[in-house]
């Protein structure tokens, strides 16, 4: 609704407008204050690192670094116009998320804890749902190449572990 209103105002006032539309934004936190801000994204990854199953099914995600890059490139590119979608094309299925979280937990020195994560042993690599979102214009016109969902999830989990915001599960409750 806010974007529609912005387009109405831009048209009425003859203002050039460019919008960047991300999906569920995940990725690495830069500081404890950012990670501990109560953000839904941080809480989502933190819960999985700490042993919960992925909540809310299979999200369609994007990486915070890709969103930031799209904003910068659009601002610096005089030819940028209209709306740009920053998103993976399809949902990241729970098994793929579990695999990425498990990899991050192992990379941070918690091999035993990684083995306890839900679905960690059955997760095929690169598992995503059917493509539903087209972000090809962002890639083509802005040159923003989107990170893989696995990279996004691994880097998000690693950052939370390294900042001490998430502690890998030592046991998983049934």
C-alpha atoms as a PDB file:
ATOM      1  CA  UNK A   1       0.000   0.000   0.000  1.00  0.00           C
ATOM      2  CA  UNK A   2       2.825   2.380   0.851  1.00  0.00           C
ATOM      3  CA  UNK A   3       4.533   1.728  -2.466  1.00  0.00           C
ATOM      4  CA  UNK A   4       1.285   2.304  -4.392  1.00  0.00           C
ATOM      5  CA  UNK A   5       0.863   5.619  -2.599  1.00  0.00           C
ATOM      6  CA  UNK A   6       4.472   6.574  -3.361  1.00  0.00           C
ATOM      7  CA  UNK A   7       3.855   5.895  -7.066  1.00  0.00           C
ATOM      8  CA  UNK A   8       0.687   8.068  -6.985  1.00  0.00           C
ATOM      9  CA  UNK A   9       2.556  10.950  -5.341  1.00  0.00           C
ATOM     10  CA  UNK A  10       5.512  10.594  -7.719  1.00  0.00           C
ATOM     11  CA  UNK A  11       3.206  10.675 -10.734  1.00  0.00           C
ATOM     12  CA  UNK A  12       1.223  13.656  -9.427  1.00  0.00           C
ATOM     13  CA  UNK A  13       4.358  15.651  -8.578  1.00  0.00           C
ATOM     14  CA  UNK A  14       6.294  14.429 -11.640  1.00  0.00           C
ATOM     15  CA  UNK A  15       9.046  12.964  -9.474  1.00  0.00           C
ATOM     16  CA  UNK A  16      11.289  10.135 -10.628  1.00  0.00           C
ATOM     17  CA  UNK A  17      10.855   7.179  -8.316  1.00  0.00           C
ATOM     18  CA  UNK A  18      12.763   3.924  -8.028  1.00  0.00           C
ATOM     19  CA  UNK A  19      11.703   1.255  -5.559  1.00  0.00           C
ATOM     20  CA  UNK A  20      13.629  -1.715  -4.224  1.00  0.00           C
ATOM     21  CA  UNK A  21      11.334  -4.498  -3.049  1.00  0.00           C
ATOM     22  CA  UNK A  22      12.968  -7.217  -0.960  1.00  0.00           C
ATOM     23  CA  UNK A  23      11.346 -10.347   0.338  1.00  0.00           C
ATOM     24  CA  UNK A  24      12.029 -11.907   3.766  1.00  0.00           C
ATOM     25  CA  UNK A  25      15.468 -10.387   4.451  1.00  0.00           C
ATOM     26  CA  UNK A  26      18.055 -12.647   6.069  1.00  0.00           C
ATOM     27  CA  UNK A  27      21.834 -12.552   6.240  1.00  0.00           C
ATOM     28  CA  UNK A  28      24.687 -11.779   8.566  1.00  0.00           C
ATOM     29  CA  UNK A  29      24.299  -9.400  11.489  1.00  0.00           C
ATOM     30  CA  UNK A  30      27.144  -6.921  11.847  1.00  0.00           C
ATOM     31  CA  UNK A  31      26.948  -6.293  15.582  1.00  0.00           C
ATOM     32  CA  UNK A  32      25.329  -7.550  18.753  1.00  0.00           C
ATOM     33  CA  UNK A  33      23.043  -4.519  18.850  1.00  0.00           C
ATOM     34  CA  UNK A  34      21.837  -5.246  15.317  1.00  0.00           C
ATOM     35  CA  UNK A  35      21.477  -8.944  16.071  1.00  0.00           C
ATOM     36  CA  UNK A  36      19.763  -8.346  19.403  1.00  0.00           C
ATOM     37  CA  UNK A  37      17.296  -5.794  18.048  1.00  0.00           C
ATOM     38  CA  UNK A  38      14.296  -8.097  18.267  1.00  0.00           C
ATOM     39  CA  UNK A  39      14.195  -8.459  14.497  1.00  0.00           C
ATOM     40  CA  UNK A  40      12.038 -11.270  13.148  1.00  0.00           C
ATOM     41  CA  UNK A  41      14.814 -12.254  10.741  1.00  0.00           C
ATOM     42  CA  UNK A  42      17.388 -12.602  13.508  1.00  0.00           C
ATOM     43  CA  UNK A  43      14.938 -14.461  15.726  1.00  0.00           C
ATOM     44  CA  UNK A  44      14.131 -16.855  12.890  1.00  0.00           C
ATOM     45  CA  UNK A  45      17.764 -17.879  12.328  1.00  0.00           C
ATOM     46  CA  UNK A  46      18.578 -17.813  16.067  1.00  0.00           C
ATOM     47  CA  UNK A  47      15.775 -20.273  16.797  1.00  0.00           C
ATOM     48  CA  UNK A  48      17.082 -22.724  14.189  1.00  0.00           C
ATOM     49  CA  UNK A  49      20.672 -22.459  15.461  1.00  0.00           C
ATOM     50  CA  UNK A  50      19.355 -23.202  18.933  1.00  0.00           C
ATOM     51  CA  UNK A  51      17.521 -26.323  17.794  1.00  0.00           C
ATOM     52  CA  UNK A  52      14.019 -25.329  16.719  1.00  0.00           C
ATOM     53  CA  UNK A  53      12.563 -26.487  13.426  1.00  0.00           C
ATOM     54  CA  UNK A  54      12.107 -23.774  10.822  1.00  0.00           C
ATOM     55  CA  UNK A  55       8.981 -21.867  11.759  1.00  0.00           C
ATOM     56  CA  UNK A  56       6.435 -20.758   9.232  1.00  0.00           C
ATOM     57  CA  UNK A  57       7.047 -23.306   6.503  1.00  0.00           C
ATOM     58  CA  UNK A  58       9.224 -22.479   3.532  1.00  0.00           C
ATOM     59  CA  UNK A  59      10.046 -18.784   3.210  1.00  0.00           C
ATOM     60  CA  UNK A  60      11.087 -16.985   0.062  1.00  0.00           C
ATOM     61  CA  UNK A  61      14.167 -15.053   1.139  1.00  0.00           C
ATOM     62  CA  UNK A  62      16.726 -12.520   0.029  1.00  0.00           C
ATOM     63  CA  UNK A  63      20.104 -11.541   1.399  1.00  0.00           C
ATOM     64  CA  UNK A  64      20.494  -8.243   3.243  1.00  0.00           C
ATOM     65  CA  UNK A  65      23.753  -7.616   1.337  1.00  0.00           C
ATOM     66  CA  UNK A  66      21.931  -7.979  -1.985  1.00  0.00           C
ATOM     67  CA  UNK A  67      19.236  -5.539  -0.846  1.00  0.00           C
ATOM     68  CA  UNK A  68      21.892  -3.015   0.199  1.00  0.00           C
ATOM     69  CA  UNK A  69      23.746  -3.460  -3.100  1.00  0.00           C
ATOM     70  CA  UNK A  70      20.529  -2.946  -5.098  1.00  0.00           C
ATOM     71  CA  UNK A  71      19.861   0.317  -3.237  1.00  0.00           C
ATOM     72  CA  UNK A  72      23.381   1.622  -3.885  1.00  0.00           C
ATOM     73  CA  UNK A  73      23.441   0.630  -7.562  1.00  0.00           C
ATOM     74  CA  UNK A  74      19.969   2.083  -8.189  1.00  0.00           C
ATOM     75  CA  UNK A  75      20.940   5.346  -6.486  1.00  0.00           C
ATOM     76  CA  UNK A  76      24.149   5.641  -8.512  1.00  0.00           C
ATOM     77  CA  UNK A  77      22.576   4.612 -11.834  1.00  0.00           C
ATOM     78  CA  UNK A  78      20.824   7.486 -13.615  1.00  0.00           C
ATOM     79  CA  UNK A  79      19.130   4.946 -15.876  1.00  0.00           C
ATOM     80  CA  UNK A  80      17.481   3.063 -13.014  1.00  0.00           C
ATOM     81  CA  UNK A  81      13.705   3.363 -13.140  1.00  0.00           C
ATOM     82  CA  UNK A  82      10.617   1.670 -11.809  1.00  0.00           C
ATOM     83  CA  UNK A  83      10.542  -1.170  -9.369  1.00  0.00           C
ATOM     84  CA  UNK A  84      13.176  -3.788  -8.689  1.00  0.00           C
ATOM     85  CA  UNK A  85      12.480  -7.006  -6.825  1.00  0.00           C
ATOM     86  CA  UNK A  86      15.277  -8.484  -4.718  1.00  0.00           C
ATOM     87  CA  UNK A  87      14.336 -12.074  -3.942  1.00  0.00           C
ATOM     88  CA  UNK A  88      15.129 -15.690  -4.541  1.00  0.00           C
ATOM     89  CA  UNK A  89      12.704 -17.118  -7.099  1.00  0.00           C
ATOM     90  CA  UNK A  90      11.290 -19.864  -4.886  1.00  0.00           C
ATOM     91  CA  UNK A  91      10.896 -20.935  -1.314  1.00  0.00           C
ATOM     92  CA  UNK A  92      13.784 -22.409   0.616  1.00  0.00           C
ATOM     93  CA  UNK A  93      12.484 -25.684   1.948  1.00  0.00           C
ATOM     94  CA  UNK A  94      13.046 -26.636   5.599  1.00  0.00           C
ATOM     95  CA  UNK A  95      15.531 -29.417   4.779  1.00  0.00           C
ATOM     96  CA  UNK A  96      17.728 -26.982   2.832  1.00  0.00           C
ATOM     97  CA  UNK A  97      17.578 -24.476   5.697  1.00  0.00           C
ATOM     98  CA  UNK A  98      18.506 -27.211   8.168  1.00  0.00           C
ATOM     99  CA  UNK A  99      21.472 -28.202   6.006  1.00  0.00           C
ATOM    100  CA  UNK A 100      22.713 -24.613   5.837  1.00  0.00           C
ATOM    101  CA  UNK A 101      22.264 -24.046   9.575  1.00  0.00           C
ATOM    102  CA  UNK A 102      23.997 -27.362  10.301  1.00  0.00           C
ATOM    103  CA  UNK A 103      26.947 -26.350   8.080  1.00  0.00           C
ATOM    104  CA  UNK A 104      27.292 -23.026   9.887  1.00  0.00           C
ATOM    105  CA  UNK A 105      27.112 -24.662  13.306  1.00  0.00           C
ATOM    106  CA  UNK A 106      29.804 -27.195  12.276  1.00  0.00           C
ATOM    107  CA  UNK A 107      31.964 -24.409  10.759  1.00  0.00           C
ATOM    108  CA  UNK A 108      31.871 -22.629  14.103  1.00  0.00           C
ATOM    109  CA  UNK A 109      33.235 -25.695  15.918  1.00  0.00           C
ATOM    110  CA  UNK A 110      30.001 -27.299  17.111  1.00  0.00           C
ATOM    111  CA  UNK A 111      29.965 -30.632  15.233  1.00  0.00           C
ATOM    112  CA  UNK A 112      28.175 -32.510  18.026  1.00  0.00           C
ATOM    113  CA  UNK A 113      25.492 -29.817  18.265  1.00  0.00           C
ATOM    114  CA  UNK A 114      25.046 -29.762  14.460  1.00  0.00           C
ATOM    115  CA  UNK A 115      24.164 -33.459  14.522  1.00  0.00           C
ATOM    116  CA  UNK A 116      21.333 -32.700  16.973  1.00  0.00           C
ATOM    117  CA  UNK A 117      19.597 -30.152  14.756  1.00  0.00           C
ATOM    118  CA  UNK A 118      16.197 -31.163  13.380  1.00  0.00           C
ATOM    119  CA  UNK A 119      16.374 -32.575   9.843  1.00  0.00           C
ATOM    120  CA  UNK A 120      20.136 -31.953   9.640  1.00  0.00           C
ATOM    121  CA  UNK A 121      20.935 -35.446   8.416  1.00  0.00           C
ATOM    122  CA  UNK A 122      18.270 -35.632   5.676  1.00  0.00           C
ATOM    123  CA  UNK A 123      18.788 -32.307   3.956  1.00  0.00           C
ATOM    124  CA  UNK A 124      19.635 -32.383   0.250  1.00  0.00           C
ATOM    125  CA  UNK A 125      21.730 -29.471  -0.939  1.00  0.00           C
ATOM    126  CA  UNK A 126      20.134 -26.700  -2.987  1.00  0.00           C
ATOM    127  CA  UNK A 127      16.548 -27.673  -2.229  1.00  0.00           C
ATOM    128  CA  UNK A 128      14.132 -24.919  -3.217  1.00  0.00           C
ATOM    129  CA  UNK A 129      10.492 -24.697  -4.117  1.00  0.00           C
ATOM    130  CA  UNK A 130       8.898 -23.793  -7.430  1.00  0.00           C
ATOM    131  CA  UNK A 131       9.902 -20.410  -8.861  1.00  0.00           C
ATOM    132  CA  UNK A 132       7.237 -17.815  -8.079  1.00  0.00           C
ATOM    133  CA  UNK A 133       9.108 -14.511  -8.078  1.00  0.00           C
ATOM    134  CA  UNK A 134      10.948 -12.876 -10.957  1.00  0.00           C
ATOM    135  CA  UNK A 135      13.898 -10.748  -9.913  1.00  0.00           C
ATOM    136  CA  UNK A 136      15.584 -10.945 -13.328  1.00  0.00           C
ATOM    137  CA  UNK A 137      15.234  -7.194 -13.848  1.00  0.00           C
ATOM    138  CA  UNK A 138      17.344  -6.546 -10.744  1.00  0.00           C
ATOM    139  CA  UNK A 139      20.018  -8.896 -12.061  1.00  0.00           C
ATOM    140  CA  UNK A 140      19.864  -7.650 -15.668  1.00  0.00           C
ATOM    141  CA  UNK A 141      19.414  -3.901 -15.205  1.00  0.00           C
ATOM    142  CA  UNK A 142      21.274  -3.336 -11.934  1.00  0.00           C
ATOM    143  CA  UNK A 143      23.819  -6.140 -12.233  1.00  0.00           C
ATOM    144  CA  UNK A 144      23.057  -7.380  -8.732  1.00  0.00           C
ATOM    145  CA  UNK A 145      23.797 -11.108  -8.688  1.00  0.00           C
ATOM    146  CA  UNK A 146      21.857 -12.670  -5.851  1.00  0.00           C
ATOM    147  CA  UNK A 147      23.627 -14.846  -3.317  1.00  0.00           C
ATOM    148  CA  UNK A 148      22.394 -18.404  -2.952  1.00  0.00           C
ATOM    149  CA  UNK A 149      19.929 -19.172  -0.164  1.00  0.00           C
ATOM    150  CA  UNK A 150      22.546 -21.509   1.333  1.00  0.00           C
ATOM    151  CA  UNK A 151      25.158 -18.728   1.512  1.00  0.00           C
ATOM    152  CA  UNK A 152      22.618 -16.378   3.085  1.00  0.00           C
ATOM    153  CA  UNK A 153      21.548 -18.903   5.733  1.00  0.00           C
ATOM    154  CA  UNK A 154      25.098 -20.057   6.548  1.00  0.00           C
ATOM    155  CA  UNK A 155      26.390 -16.482   6.896  1.00  0.00           C
ATOM    156  CA  UNK A 156      23.385 -15.449   9.005  1.00  0.00           C
ATOM    157  CA  UNK A 157      23.873 -18.356  11.408  1.00  0.00           C
ATOM    158  CA  UNK A 158      27.658 -17.931  11.607  1.00  0.00           C
ATOM    159  CA  UNK A 159      27.308 -14.248  12.452  1.00  0.00           C
ATOM    160  CA  UNK A 160      24.848 -14.912  15.271  1.00  0.00           C
ATOM    161  CA  UNK A 161      27.054 -17.647  16.735  1.00  0.00           C
ATOM    162  CA  UNK A 162      30.194 -15.501  16.507  1.00  0.00           C
ATOM    163  CA  UNK A 163      28.420 -12.546  18.124  1.00  0.00           C
ATOM    164  CA  UNK A 164      27.208 -14.801  20.948  1.00  0.00           C
ATOM    165  CA  UNK A 165      23.571 -14.067  20.126  1.00  0.00           C
ATOM    166  CA  UNK A 166      22.762 -17.691  19.251  1.00  0.00           C
ATOM    167  CA  UNK A 167      24.165 -20.699  21.083  1.00  0.00           C
ATOM    168  CA  UNK A 168      23.982 -24.001  19.206  1.00  0.00           C
ATOM    169  CA  UNK A 169      21.685 -26.527  20.835  1.00  0.00           C
ATOM    170  CA  UNK A 170      23.324 -29.103  23.056  1.00  0.00           C
ATOM    171  CA  UNK A 171      20.090 -31.108  23.061  1.00  0.00           C
ATOM    172  CA  UNK A 172      16.925 -30.835  21.085  1.00  0.00           C
ATOM    173  CA  UNK A 173      13.614 -31.128  22.864  1.00  0.00           C
ATOM    174  CA  UNK A 174      11.010 -33.318  21.137  1.00  0.00           C
END
